[in-house]
Amino acid sequence: MKGPAEMNEERRGTIGKNIKRFREEKKLSQSQLAKQLWIERTSLAGYERGQRLPDIFMLCKIADILEISLDVLTGREGVRKDG
């Protein structure tokens, strides 16, 4: 059974991969998405690499901009939000 540290690391990786995947599907650069989020590009890059974990408010902003649900963004569900 995985401990909390391993689960958190795995979740960061999943969220980061999903941010990058859906950002690229929307044809947005890191700089473009970071500007919409009012953060530095390096912060977004940290999210995408799984080095940093966005807080719930940032996750909501990212999901809204990428037009996906939080469940999809966090890897809990594979279906896009209708919109």
C-alpha atoms as a PDB file:
ATOM      1  CA  MET A   1       0.000   0.000   0.000  1.00  0.00           C
ATOM      2  CA  LYS A   2       1.279   3.459  -0.918  1.00  0.00           C
ATOM      3  CA  GLY A   3       1.900   6.025   1.782  1.00  0.00           C
ATOM      4  CA  PRO A   4       0.774   9.658   1.630  1.00  0.00           C
ATOM      5  CA  ALA A   5       4.116  10.886   0.252  1.00  0.00           C
ATOM      6  CA  GLU A   6       4.047   8.452  -2.666  1.00  0.00           C
ATOM      7  CA  MET A   7       0.394   9.228  -3.409  1.00  0.00           C
ATOM      8  CA  ASN A   8       1.074  12.979  -3.360  1.00  0.00           C
ATOM      9  CA  GLU A   9       4.047  12.596  -5.709  1.00  0.00           C
ATOM     10  CA  GLU A  10       1.978  10.464  -8.088  1.00  0.00           C
ATOM     11  CA  ARG A  11      -0.874  13.008  -8.024  1.00  0.00           C
ATOM     12  CA  ARG A  12       1.530  15.890  -8.807  1.00  0.00           C
ATOM     13  CA  GLY A  13       2.798  13.968 -11.827  1.00  0.00           C
ATOM     14  CA  THR A  14      -0.704  13.211 -13.087  1.00  0.00           C
ATOM     15  CA  ILE A  15      -1.856  16.811 -12.697  1.00  0.00           C
ATOM     16  CA  GLY A  16       1.275  18.115 -14.394  1.00  0.00           C
ATOM     17  CA  LYS A  17       0.938  15.768 -17.355  1.00  0.00           C
ATOM     18  CA  ASN A  18      -2.716  16.713 -17.724  1.00  0.00           C
ATOM     19  CA  ILE A  19      -1.997  20.448 -17.596  1.00  0.00           C
ATOM     20  CA  LYS A  20       0.576  20.038 -20.355  1.00  0.00           C
ATOM     21  CA  ARG A  21      -1.610  17.708 -22.432  1.00  0.00           C
ATOM     22  CA  PHE A  22      -4.691  19.931 -22.390  1.00  0.00           C
ATOM     23  CA  ARG A  23      -2.637  23.137 -22.773  1.00  0.00           C
ATOM     24  CA  GLU A  24      -1.088  21.710 -25.922  1.00  0.00           C
ATOM     25  CA  GLU A  25      -4.511  20.569 -27.198  1.00  0.00           C
ATOM     26  CA  LYS A  26      -5.670  24.196 -26.854  1.00  0.00           C
ATOM     27  CA  LYS A  27      -2.528  25.251 -28.768  1.00  0.00           C
ATOM     28  CA  LEU A  28      -1.371  27.460 -25.896  1.00  0.00           C
ATOM     29  CA  SER A  29       2.273  28.052 -25.031  1.00  0.00           C
ATOM     30  CA  GLN A  30       3.369  27.956 -21.405  1.00  0.00           C
ATOM     31  CA  SER A  31       3.761  31.731 -21.551  1.00  0.00           C
ATOM     32  CA  GLN A  32       0.239  32.239 -22.885  1.00  0.00           C
ATOM     33  CA  LEU A  33      -1.378  30.053 -20.233  1.00  0.00           C
ATOM     34  CA  ALA A  34       0.764  31.540 -17.455  1.00  0.00           C
ATOM     35  CA  LYS A  35      -0.311  35.038 -18.505  1.00  0.00           C
ATOM     36  CA  GLN A  36      -3.991  34.036 -18.323  1.00  0.00           C
ATOM     37  CA  LEU A  37      -3.351  32.586 -14.849  1.00  0.00           C
ATOM     38  CA  TRP A  38      -1.396  35.679 -13.685  1.00  0.00           C
ATOM     39  CA  ILE A  39       1.625  33.551 -12.738  1.00  0.00           C
ATOM     40  CA  GLU A  40       5.212  33.258 -13.944  1.00  0.00           C
ATOM     41  CA  ARG A  41       5.929  30.808 -16.751  1.00  0.00           C
ATOM     42  CA  THR A  42       8.427  29.071 -14.474  1.00  0.00           C
ATOM     43  CA  SER A  43       5.648  28.338 -11.961  1.00  0.00           C
ATOM     44  CA  LEU A  44       3.551  26.741 -14.685  1.00  0.00           C
ATOM     45  CA  ALA A  45       6.573  24.741 -15.850  1.00  0.00           C
ATOM     46  CA  GLY A  46       6.989  23.498 -12.282  1.00  0.00           C
ATOM     47  CA  TYR A  47       3.373  22.320 -12.252  1.00  0.00           C
ATOM     48  CA  GLU A  48       3.813  20.537 -15.575  1.00  0.00           C
ATOM     49  CA  ARG A  49       6.992  18.775 -14.412  1.00  0.00           C
ATOM     50  CA  GLY A  50       5.332  17.686 -11.167  1.00  0.00           C
ATOM     51  CA  GLN A  51       7.759  19.724  -9.062  1.00  0.00           C
ATOM     52  CA  ARG A  52       5.017  21.958  -7.675  1.00  0.00           C
ATOM     53  CA  LEU A  53       1.373  21.325  -6.873  1.00  0.00           C
ATOM     54  CA  PRO A  54      -1.134  24.121  -7.582  1.00  0.00           C
ATOM     55  CA  ASP A  55      -3.555  24.998  -4.790  1.00  0.00           C
ATOM     56  CA  ILE A  56      -7.278  24.367  -5.276  1.00  0.00           C
ATOM     57  CA  PHE A  57      -7.940  27.918  -6.480  1.00  0.00           C
ATOM     58  CA  MET A  58      -5.252  27.653  -9.153  1.00  0.00           C
ATOM     59  CA  LEU A  59      -6.514  24.199 -10.150  1.00  0.00           C
ATOM     60  CA  CYS A  60      -9.975  25.696 -10.675  1.00  0.00           C
ATOM     61  CA  LYS A  61      -8.567  28.512 -12.847  1.00  0.00           C
ATOM     62  CA  ILE A  62      -6.545  26.051 -14.916  1.00  0.00           C
ATOM     63  CA  ALA A  63      -9.530  23.743 -15.412  1.00  0.00           C
ATOM     64  CA  ASP A  64     -11.740  26.674 -16.455  1.00  0.00           C
ATOM     65  CA  ILE A  65      -9.232  27.994 -18.997  1.00  0.00           C
ATOM     66  CA  LEU A  66      -8.573  24.526 -20.418  1.00  0.00           C
ATOM     67  CA  GLU A  67     -12.341  23.790 -20.405  1.00  0.00           C
ATOM     68  CA  ILE A  68     -12.052  20.549 -18.452  1.00  0.00           C
ATOM     69  CA  SER A  69     -13.425  19.417 -15.099  1.00  0.00           C
ATOM     70  CA  LEU A  70     -11.317  19.224 -11.970  1.00  0.00           C
ATOM     71  CA  ASP A  71     -11.804  15.455 -12.042  1.00  0.00           C
ATOM     72  CA  VAL A  72     -10.235  15.273 -15.488  1.00  0.00           C
ATOM     73  CA  LEU A  73      -7.422  17.637 -14.520  1.00  0.00           C
ATOM     74  CA  THR A  74      -6.562  15.613 -11.424  1.00  0.00           C
ATOM     75  CA  GLY A  75      -6.879  12.261 -13.187  1.00  0.00           C
ATOM     76  CA  ARG A  76     -10.008  11.152 -11.354  1.00  0.00           C
ATOM     77  CA  GLU A  77     -12.153  11.001 -14.490  1.00  0.00           C
ATOM     78  CA  GLY A  78     -11.462  10.656 -18.196  1.00  0.00           C
ATOM     79  CA  VAL A  79     -14.428  12.543 -19.660  1.00  0.00           C
ATOM     80  CA  ARG A  80     -14.265  16.187 -20.748  1.00  0.00           C
ATOM     81  CA  LYS A  81     -16.692  18.729 -19.350  1.00  0.00           C
ATOM     82  CA  ASP A  82     -19.470  19.620 -21.814  1.00  0.00           C
ATOM     83  CA  GLY A  83     -19.463  23.170 -22.599  1.00  0.00           C
END
